[in-house]
Amino acid sequence: MKLGLVQYNPEWENKQANQLKIVSILKSSIVTPDLLIFPEMTLTGYTMNTKLSEVFDLTRSETLQFFSKLSKDISVNTIAGFIEEDEGNYFNTLFVIDREGKIRAKYRKIHLFSFAGEERHYKSGEKPEIVELENLKIGLSICYDLRFPELYRIYAKQKVHLIVNIANWPESRVDHFVQLLKTRAIENQCFVAGVNRVGYAKKEYYDGRSSIFDPLGNELISVKDEEKFILAEIDLNKIEEVRNKYPFLNDIKLI
């Protein structure tokens, strides 16, 4: 399966400008992947401004409409994120859209980043989410979730093939991001893809380091300090090979 990681520098809280930017970035590639993955809060950057929220309704959400059309136009599955409003509550939400432009799943960020006061603006999600796309089982997560292995053990117990983490992870702690992606791959014996942004936002600098690790924790790709459409192919046969040789997942006890 071909993965396309879109590591880019979003214009702060400007959805329309970022839509144009994404279209321009994707035009730079002559290869269409099977799955496109974008950073956290894709069209706004990481913000506490809940005025930018949208309802989870394809007929009323600008963001969902944009990615639905994009997915359908180039026949690609897509994972991205936005600020969701639901009956006066706000969520940091990831959504999955298939090649036909249909919404397949959503995941609300469970672990809110209290260090930055995220919990004062958003409500925590309550459940893990696995989506199946073309026989690929994918466990979904957002940024700070990566520090909490309990979520990913649930995904491992369900034998997911790929874990995705969409992030806005600053350069000051980005080594943690990369090391945690690698750790999640090793302990759960699956591919892990983390997609981060680049550029400046307020006082923070983001150097990307969007990465993919294989089920043994080997780095397949990692890109630093570059706005780039990153293409990589993962061999799903590698998962069964590793799990059969080292059947560690059979010994998980969720206590």
C-alpha atoms as a PDB file:
ATOM      1  CA  MET A   1       0.000   0.000   0.000  1.00  0.00           C
ATOM      2  CA  LYS A   2       1.234   3.486  -0.884  1.00  0.00           C
ATOM      3  CA  LEU A   3       1.021   6.155   1.826  1.00  0.00           C
ATOM      4  CA  GLY A   4       1.175   9.884   1.167  1.00  0.00           C
ATOM      5  CA  LEU A   5       2.152  12.058   4.134  1.00  0.00           C
ATOM      6  CA  VAL A   6       1.400  15.746   3.659  1.00  0.00           C
ATOM      7  CA  GLN A   7       3.889  17.644   5.816  1.00  0.00           C
ATOM      8  CA  TYR A   8       3.099  21.301   5.306  1.00  0.00           C
ATOM      9  CA  ASN A   9       3.098  24.769   6.864  1.00  0.00           C
ATOM     10  CA  PRO A  10      -0.535  25.835   7.321  1.00  0.00           C
ATOM     11  CA  GLU A  11      -1.425  29.502   7.291  1.00  0.00           C
ATOM     12  CA  TRP A  12      -2.694  30.263  10.794  1.00  0.00           C
ATOM     13  CA  GLU A  13      -6.469  29.813  11.094  1.00  0.00           C
ATOM     14  CA  ASN A  14      -7.026  30.379   7.369  1.00  0.00           C
ATOM     15  CA  LYS A  15      -9.006  27.465   5.966  1.00  0.00           C
ATOM     16  CA  GLN A  16      -9.406  28.838   2.451  1.00  0.00           C
ATOM     17  CA  ALA A  17      -5.703  29.617   2.008  1.00  0.00           C
ATOM     18  CA  ASN A  18      -4.756  26.184   3.292  1.00  0.00           C
ATOM     19  CA  GLN A  19      -7.152  24.441   0.920  1.00  0.00           C
ATOM     20  CA  LEU A  20      -5.380  26.131  -1.986  1.00  0.00           C
ATOM     21  CA  LYS A  21      -1.997  25.252  -0.515  1.00  0.00           C
ATOM     22  CA  ILE A  22      -2.879  21.570  -0.166  1.00  0.00           C
ATOM     23  CA  VAL A  23      -4.124  21.367  -3.735  1.00  0.00           C
ATOM     24  CA  SER A  24      -0.866  22.963  -4.912  1.00  0.00           C
ATOM     25  CA  ILE A  25       1.271  20.531  -2.886  1.00  0.00           C
ATOM     26  CA  LEU A  26      -0.581  17.503  -4.214  1.00  0.00           C
ATOM     27  CA  LYS A  27      -0.119  18.682  -7.794  1.00  0.00           C
ATOM     28  CA  SER A  28       3.631  18.286  -7.298  1.00  0.00           C
ATOM     29  CA  SER A  29       3.309  14.501  -7.339  1.00  0.00           C
ATOM     30  CA  ILE A  30       2.662  12.332 -10.362  1.00  0.00           C
ATOM     31  CA  VAL A  31       1.859   9.358  -8.115  1.00  0.00           C
ATOM     32  CA  THR A  32      -1.455   9.053  -6.269  1.00  0.00           C
ATOM     33  CA  PRO A  33      -1.151   7.057  -3.028  1.00  0.00           C
ATOM     34  CA  ASP A  34      -3.775   4.724  -1.597  1.00  0.00           C
ATOM     35  CA  LEU A  35      -3.978   6.766   1.610  1.00  0.00           C
ATOM     36  CA  LEU A  36      -3.303  10.463   2.227  1.00  0.00           C
ATOM     37  CA  ILE A  37      -2.556  11.583   5.793  1.00  0.00           C
ATOM     38  CA  PHE A  38      -2.517  15.210   6.973  1.00  0.00           C
ATOM     39  CA  PRO A  39      -1.448  16.900  10.262  1.00  0.00           C
ATOM     40  CA  GLU A  40      -3.716  17.612  13.243  1.00  0.00           C
ATOM     41  CA  MET A  41      -6.350  20.370  12.766  1.00  0.00           C
ATOM     42  CA  THR A  42      -5.378  20.292   9.130  1.00  0.00           C
ATOM     43  CA  LEU A  43      -6.819  23.545   7.776  1.00  0.00           C
ATOM     44  CA  THR A  44      -6.363  25.752  10.848  1.00  0.00           C
ATOM     45  CA  GLY A  45      -3.208  24.659  12.615  1.00  0.00           C
ATOM     46  CA  TYR A  46      -3.402  23.731  16.305  1.00  0.00           C
ATOM     47  CA  THR A  47      -5.613  26.350  17.925  1.00  0.00           C
ATOM     48  CA  MET A  48      -7.933  26.799  20.890  1.00  0.00           C
ATOM     49  CA  ASN A  49     -10.205  29.039  18.797  1.00  0.00           C
ATOM     50  CA  THR A  50     -13.435  27.063  18.849  1.00  0.00           C
ATOM     51  CA  LYS A  51     -15.088  29.690  16.647  1.00  0.00           C
ATOM     52  CA  LEU A  52     -13.466  27.758  13.825  1.00  0.00           C
ATOM     53  CA  SER A  53     -15.448  24.626  14.701  1.00  0.00           C
ATOM     54  CA  GLU A  54     -17.773  22.781  12.324  1.00  0.00           C
ATOM     55  CA  VAL A  55     -20.484  20.189  12.779  1.00  0.00           C
ATOM     56  CA  PHE A  56     -19.778  16.632  11.671  1.00  0.00           C
ATOM     57  CA  ASP A  57     -22.118  16.809   8.705  1.00  0.00           C
ATOM     58  CA  LEU A  58     -20.939  16.538   5.102  1.00  0.00           C
ATOM     59  CA  THR A  59     -23.725  18.827   3.913  1.00  0.00           C
ATOM     60  CA  ARG A  60     -22.735  21.636   6.315  1.00  0.00           C
ATOM     61  CA  SER A  61     -18.990  21.322   6.967  1.00  0.00           C
ATOM     62  CA  GLU A  62     -16.589  23.243   4.734  1.00  0.00           C
ATOM     63  CA  THR A  63     -13.678  21.037   5.794  1.00  0.00           C
ATOM     64  CA  LEU A  64     -15.478  17.742   5.256  1.00  0.00           C
ATOM     65  CA  GLN A  65     -16.742  18.923   1.874  1.00  0.00           C
ATOM     66  CA  PHE A  66     -13.248  19.945   0.787  1.00  0.00           C
ATOM     67  CA  PHE A  67     -11.638  16.631   1.705  1.00  0.00           C
ATOM     68  CA  SER A  68     -14.572  14.621   0.367  1.00  0.00           C
ATOM     69  CA  LYS A  69     -14.246  16.293  -3.022  1.00  0.00           C
ATOM     70  CA  LEU A  70     -10.459  15.962  -2.962  1.00  0.00           C
ATOM     71  CA  SER A  71     -10.661  12.250  -2.159  1.00  0.00           C
ATOM     72  CA  LYS A  72     -13.206  11.594  -4.881  1.00  0.00           C
ATOM     73  CA  ASP A  73     -11.461  13.699  -7.515  1.00  0.00           C
ATOM     74  CA  ILE A  74      -8.137  11.854  -7.229  1.00  0.00           C
ATOM     75  CA  SER A  75      -9.531   8.525  -5.949  1.00  0.00           C
ATOM     76  CA  VAL A  76      -7.678   8.388  -2.641  1.00  0.00           C
ATOM     77  CA  ASN A  77      -8.511   7.539   0.965  1.00  0.00           C
ATOM     78  CA  THR A  78      -7.863  10.459   3.301  1.00  0.00           C
ATOM     79  CA  ILE A  79      -7.178  11.043   6.999  1.00  0.00           C
ATOM     80  CA  ALA A  80      -7.253  14.616   8.290  1.00  0.00           C
ATOM     81  CA  GLY A  81      -8.483  16.603  11.279  1.00  0.00           C
ATOM     82  CA  PHE A  82     -10.603  19.571  12.333  1.00  0.00           C
ATOM     83  CA  ILE A  83     -12.444  21.190  15.252  1.00  0.00           C
ATOM     84  CA  GLU A  84     -15.821  19.522  15.705  1.00  0.00           C
ATOM     85  CA  GLU A  85     -18.829  21.107  17.403  1.00  0.00           C
ATOM     86  CA  ASP A  86     -21.512  18.841  18.820  1.00  0.00           C
ATOM     87  CA  GLU A  87     -24.365  20.326  20.873  1.00  0.00           C
ATOM     88  CA  GLY A  88     -22.183  23.013  22.416  1.00  0.00           C
ATOM     89  CA  ASN A  89     -19.204  20.741  23.034  1.00  0.00           C
ATOM     90  CA  TYR A  90     -15.981  20.933  21.044  1.00  0.00           C
ATOM     91  CA  PHE A  91     -13.672  18.098  20.040  1.00  0.00           C
ATOM     92  CA  ASN A  92     -10.274  17.771  18.411  1.00  0.00           C
ATOM     93  CA  THR A  93     -11.414  15.292  15.778  1.00  0.00           C
ATOM     94  CA  LEU A  94      -9.820  13.100  13.132  1.00  0.00           C
ATOM     95  CA  PHE A  95     -11.919  11.890  10.211  1.00  0.00           C
ATOM     96  CA  VAL A  96     -11.493   9.263   7.501  1.00  0.00           C
ATOM     97  CA  ILE A  97     -12.888   9.631   3.980  1.00  0.00           C
ATOM     98  CA  ASP A  98     -12.730   6.933   1.319  1.00  0.00           C
ATOM     99  CA  ARG A  99     -12.019   7.109  -2.419  1.00  0.00           C
ATOM    100  CA  GLU A 100     -15.679   7.772  -3.180  1.00  0.00           C
ATOM    101  CA  GLY A 101     -15.749  10.814  -0.919  1.00  0.00           C
ATOM    102  CA  LYS A 102     -17.752   9.043   1.795  1.00  0.00           C
ATOM    103  CA  ILE A 103     -17.029   9.492   5.496  1.00  0.00           C
ATOM    104  CA  ARG A 104     -15.907   6.188   6.964  1.00  0.00           C
ATOM    105  CA  ALA A 105     -14.959   7.022  10.560  1.00  0.00           C
ATOM    106  CA  LYS A 106     -14.147   9.684  13.081  1.00  0.00           C
ATOM    107  CA  TYR A 107     -11.977   9.663  16.183  1.00  0.00           C
ATOM    108  CA  ARG A 108     -12.109  12.254  18.941  1.00  0.00           C
ATOM    109  CA  LYS A 109      -8.815  12.913  20.718  1.00  0.00           C
ATOM    110  CA  ILE A 110      -8.909  11.111  24.060  1.00  0.00           C
ATOM    111  CA  HIS A 111      -5.838  12.561  25.786  1.00  0.00           C
ATOM    112  CA  LEU A 112      -6.092  16.345  25.917  1.00  0.00           C
ATOM    113  CA  PHE A 113      -2.877  18.346  26.277  1.00  0.00           C
ATOM    114  CA  SER A 114      -3.329  19.899  29.731  1.00  0.00           C
ATOM    115  CA  PHE A 115       0.172  21.436  29.551  1.00  0.00           C
ATOM    116  CA  ALA A 116      -1.320  23.896  27.035  1.00  0.00           C
ATOM    117  CA  GLY A 117      -4.799  24.018  28.586  1.00  0.00           C
ATOM    118  CA  GLU A 118      -6.477  22.058  25.819  1.00  0.00           C
ATOM    119  CA  GLU A 119      -8.981  20.586  28.273  1.00  0.00           C
ATOM    120  CA  ARG A 120     -10.359  24.086  28.977  1.00  0.00           C
ATOM    121  CA  HIS A 121     -11.559  24.348  25.379  1.00  0.00           C
ATOM    122  CA  TYR A 122     -12.212  20.813  24.203  1.00  0.00           C
ATOM    123  CA  LYS A 123     -13.972  17.762  25.521  1.00  0.00           C
ATOM    124  CA  SER A 124     -12.163  14.442  25.592  1.00  0.00           C
ATOM    125  CA  GLY A 125     -13.143  11.623  23.275  1.00  0.00           C
ATOM    126  CA  GLU A 126     -14.319   8.458  24.968  1.00  0.00           C
ATOM    127  CA  LYS A 127     -13.361   5.543  22.752  1.00  0.00           C
ATOM    128  CA  PRO A 128     -10.692   4.155  20.423  1.00  0.00           C
ATOM    129  CA  GLU A 129     -11.510   3.906  16.734  1.00  0.00           C
ATOM    130  CA  ILE A 130     -10.409   1.367  14.142  1.00  0.00           C
ATOM    131  CA  VAL A 131     -11.304   1.822  10.495  1.00  0.00           C
ATOM    132  CA  GLU A 132     -10.912  -0.753   7.741  1.00  0.00           C
ATOM    133  CA  LEU A 133      -9.945   0.513   4.308  1.00  0.00           C
ATOM    134  CA  GLU A 134      -9.370  -1.969   1.520  1.00  0.00           C
ATOM    135  CA  ASN A 135      -8.536  -4.812   3.937  1.00  0.00           C
ATOM    136  CA  LEU A 136      -6.219  -2.567   5.953  1.00  0.00           C
ATOM    137  CA  LYS A 137      -7.121  -2.174   9.636  1.00  0.00           C
ATOM    138  CA  ILE A 138      -6.030   1.233  10.934  1.00  0.00           C
ATOM    139  CA  GLY A 139      -5.937   2.428  14.545  1.00  0.00           C
ATOM    140  CA  LEU A 140      -6.491   6.179  14.851  1.00  0.00           C
ATOM    141  CA  SER A 141      -4.892   8.711  17.221  1.00  0.00           C
ATOM    142  CA  ILE A 142      -4.021  12.379  17.558  1.00  0.00           C
ATOM    143  CA  CYS A 143      -0.770  13.970  18.737  1.00  0.00           C
ATOM    144  CA  TYR A 144      -0.572  13.792  22.588  1.00  0.00           C
ATOM    145  CA  ASP A 145      -2.312  10.394  22.536  1.00  0.00           C
ATOM    146  CA  LEU A 146       1.083   9.047  21.505  1.00  0.00           C
ATOM    147  CA  ARG A 147       2.392   9.347  25.071  1.00  0.00           C
ATOM    148  CA  PHE A 148      -0.203   6.897  26.406  1.00  0.00           C
ATOM    149  CA  PRO A 149       0.456   3.285  25.339  1.00  0.00           C
ATOM    150  CA  GLU A 150      -2.811   1.938  26.744  1.00  0.00           C
ATOM    151  CA  LEU A 151      -4.754   3.165  23.706  1.00  0.00           C
ATOM    152  CA  TYR A 152      -2.400   1.433  21.314  1.00  0.00           C
ATOM    153  CA  ARG A 153      -2.502  -1.869  23.182  1.00  0.00           C
ATOM    154  CA  ILE A 154      -6.222  -1.955  22.476  1.00  0.00           C
ATOM    155  CA  TYR A 155      -5.384  -1.529  18.803  1.00  0.00           C
ATOM    156  CA  ALA A 156      -2.738  -4.249  19.007  1.00  0.00           C
ATOM    157  CA  LYS A 157      -5.214  -6.648  20.582  1.00  0.00           C
ATOM    158  CA  GLN A 158      -7.395  -6.105  17.507  1.00  0.00           C
ATOM    159  CA  LYS A 159      -4.352  -6.821  15.297  1.00  0.00           C
ATOM    160  CA  VAL A 160      -4.373  -3.557  13.364  1.00  0.00           C
ATOM    161  CA  HIS A 161      -1.985  -3.295  10.410  1.00  0.00           C
ATOM    162  CA  LEU A 162      -1.283   0.432  10.701  1.00  0.00           C
ATOM    163  CA  ILE A 163      -1.430   3.030  13.470  1.00  0.00           C
ATOM    164  CA  VAL A 164      -1.808   6.649  12.380  1.00  0.00           C
ATOM    165  CA  ASN A 165      -1.012   9.686  14.507  1.00  0.00           C
ATOM    166  CA  ILE A 166      -1.734  13.173  13.155  1.00  0.00           C
ATOM    167  CA  ALA A 167       0.113  15.882  15.067  1.00  0.00           C
ATOM    168  CA  ASN A 168       1.158  19.452  15.687  1.00  0.00           C
ATOM    169  CA  TRP A 169       4.278  18.518  17.690  1.00  0.00           C
ATOM    170  CA  PRO A 170       6.797  21.349  18.292  1.00  0.00           C
ATOM    171  CA  GLU A 171      10.508  21.057  17.541  1.00  0.00           C
ATOM    172  CA  SER A 172      11.392  21.528  21.227  1.00  0.00           C
ATOM    173  CA  ARG A 173      10.026  18.037  21.984  1.00  0.00           C
ATOM    174  CA  VAL A 174      10.018  16.444  18.541  1.00  0.00           C
ATOM    175  CA  ASP A 175      12.556  13.769  19.501  1.00  0.00           C
ATOM    176  CA  HIS A 176       9.863  12.400  21.801  1.00  0.00           C
ATOM    177  CA  PHE A 177       7.442  12.278  18.872  1.00  0.00           C
ATOM    178  CA  VAL A 178       9.825  10.216  16.763  1.00  0.00           C
ATOM    179  CA  GLN A 179      10.874   7.893  19.579  1.00  0.00           C
ATOM    180  CA  LEU A 180       7.276   7.271  20.602  1.00  0.00           C
ATOM    181  CA  LEU A 181       6.271   6.456  17.031  1.00  0.00           C
ATOM    182  CA  LYS A 182       9.097   3.917  16.912  1.00  0.00           C
ATOM    183  CA  THR A 183       8.107   2.457  20.283  1.00  0.00           C
ATOM    184  CA  ARG A 184       4.466   2.080  19.283  1.00  0.00           C
ATOM    185  CA  ALA A 185       5.604   0.194  16.159  1.00  0.00           C
ATOM    186  CA  ILE A 186       7.860  -2.190  18.103  1.00  0.00           C
ATOM    187  CA  GLU A 187       5.432  -2.991  20.905  1.00  0.00           C
ATOM    188  CA  ASN A 188       2.430  -3.460  18.611  1.00  0.00           C
ATOM    189  CA  GLN A 189       4.229  -5.111  15.685  1.00  0.00           C
ATOM    190  CA  CYS A 190       2.607  -2.988  13.019  1.00  0.00           C
ATOM    191  CA  PHE A 191       3.405  -0.051  10.765  1.00  0.00           C
ATOM    192  CA  VAL A 192       3.141   3.365  12.399  1.00  0.00           C
ATOM    193  CA  ALA A 193       2.803   6.623  10.471  1.00  0.00           C
ATOM    194  CA  GLY A 194       3.075  10.000  12.184  1.00  0.00           C
ATOM    195  CA  VAL A 195       2.356  13.190  10.251  1.00  0.00           C
ATOM    196  CA  ASN A 196       3.428  16.518  11.697  1.00  0.00           C
ATOM    197  CA  ARG A 197       3.394  20.094  10.434  1.00  0.00           C
ATOM    198  CA  VAL A 198       6.342  22.406   9.700  1.00  0.00           C
ATOM    199  CA  GLY A 199       6.902  26.142  10.113  1.00  0.00           C
ATOM    200  CA  TYR A 200       6.166  28.716  12.815  1.00  0.00           C
ATOM    201  CA  ALA A 201       2.915  29.180  14.737  1.00  0.00           C
ATOM    202  CA  LYS A 202       2.861  31.877  17.381  1.00  0.00           C
ATOM    203  CA  LYS A 203       6.004  31.229  19.490  1.00  0.00           C
ATOM    204  CA  GLU A 204       6.512  27.609  18.449  1.00  0.00           C
ATOM    205  CA  TYR A 205       8.602  26.189  15.645  1.00  0.00           C
ATOM    206  CA  TYR A 206       7.709  22.865  14.028  1.00  0.00           C
ATOM    207  CA  ASP A 207      10.328  20.926  12.086  1.00  0.00           C
ATOM    208  CA  GLY A 208       8.040  18.117  10.924  1.00  0.00           C
ATOM    209  CA  ARG A 209       9.870  14.805  11.271  1.00  0.00           C
ATOM    210  CA  SER A 210       6.867  13.024   9.767  1.00  0.00           C
ATOM    211  CA  SER A 211       7.889   9.379   9.882  1.00  0.00           C
ATOM    212  CA  ILE A 212       6.945   5.794   9.118  1.00  0.00           C
ATOM    213  CA  PHE A 213       8.245   2.814  11.093  1.00  0.00           C
ATOM    214  CA  ASP A 214       7.849  -0.853  10.229  1.00  0.00           C
ATOM    215  CA  PRO A 215       6.701  -3.634  12.632  1.00  0.00           C
ATOM    216  CA  LEU A 216      10.273  -4.121  13.884  1.00  0.00           C
ATOM    217  CA  GLY A 217      10.742  -0.423  14.553  1.00  0.00           C
ATOM    218  CA  ASN A 218      12.910   0.226  11.501  1.00  0.00           C
ATOM    219  CA  GLU A 219      12.591   3.750  10.144  1.00  0.00           C
ATOM    220  CA  LEU A 220      11.304   3.714   6.577  1.00  0.00           C
ATOM    221  CA  ILE A 221      11.197   7.463   6.146  1.00  0.00           C
ATOM    222  CA  SER A 222      11.535  10.651   8.182  1.00  0.00           C
ATOM    223  CA  VAL A 223      11.534  14.177   6.763  1.00  0.00           C
ATOM    224  CA  LYS A 224      12.780  17.231   8.658  1.00  0.00           C
ATOM    225  CA  ASP A 225      12.405  20.972   8.021  1.00  0.00           C
ATOM    226  CA  GLU A 226      10.720  20.578   4.674  1.00  0.00           C
ATOM    227  CA  GLU A 227       7.238  21.234   3.365  1.00  0.00           C
ATOM    228  CA  LYS A 228       6.775  18.114   1.308  1.00  0.00           C
ATOM    229  CA  PHE A 229       4.416  15.514  -0.072  1.00  0.00           C
ATOM    230  CA  ILE A 230       6.093  12.335   1.182  1.00  0.00           C
ATOM    231  CA  LEU A 231       5.427   9.069  -0.622  1.00  0.00           C
ATOM    232  CA  ALA A 232       6.254   5.680   0.878  1.00  0.00           C
ATOM    233  CA  GLU A 233       5.118   2.122   0.303  1.00  0.00           C
ATOM    234  CA  ILE A 234       4.446  -0.362   3.085  1.00  0.00           C
ATOM    235  CA  ASP A 235       4.503  -4.117   2.578  1.00  0.00           C
ATOM    236  CA  LEU A 236       1.633  -5.610   4.554  1.00  0.00           C
ATOM    237  CA  ASN A 237       3.167  -9.069   4.323  1.00  0.00           C
ATOM    238  CA  LYS A 238       5.834  -7.803   6.711  1.00  0.00           C
ATOM    239  CA  ILE A 239       3.270  -7.631   9.514  1.00  0.00           C
ATOM    240  CA  GLU A 240       2.332 -11.297   9.424  1.00  0.00           C
ATOM    241  CA  GLU A 241       5.963 -12.259   8.967  1.00  0.00           C
ATOM    242  CA  VAL A 242       6.966 -10.433  12.154  1.00  0.00           C
ATOM    243  CA  ARG A 243       3.938 -11.531  14.173  1.00  0.00           C
ATOM    244  CA  ASN A 244       4.389 -15.162  13.209  1.00  0.00           C
ATOM    245  CA  LYS A 245       8.095 -15.141  13.994  1.00  0.00           C
ATOM    246  CA  TYR A 246       7.645 -13.244  17.257  1.00  0.00           C
ATOM    247  CA  PRO A 247       4.076 -13.978  18.501  1.00  0.00           C
ATOM    248  CA  PHE A 248       4.302 -11.501  21.376  1.00  0.00           C
ATOM    249  CA  LEU A 249       0.840 -10.017  20.831  1.00  0.00           C
ATOM    250  CA  ASN A 250      -0.721 -13.336  21.862  1.00  0.00           C
ATOM    251  CA  ASP A 251       0.611 -12.728  25.369  1.00  0.00           C
ATOM    252  CA  ILE A 252      -1.056  -9.322  25.927  1.00  0.00           C
ATOM    253  CA  LYS A 253      -3.096  -9.141  29.124  1.00  0.00           C
ATOM    254  CA  LEU A 254      -5.088  -5.942  29.359  1.00  0.00           C
ATOM    255  CA  ILE A 255      -5.457  -5.442  33.122  1.00  0.00           C
END
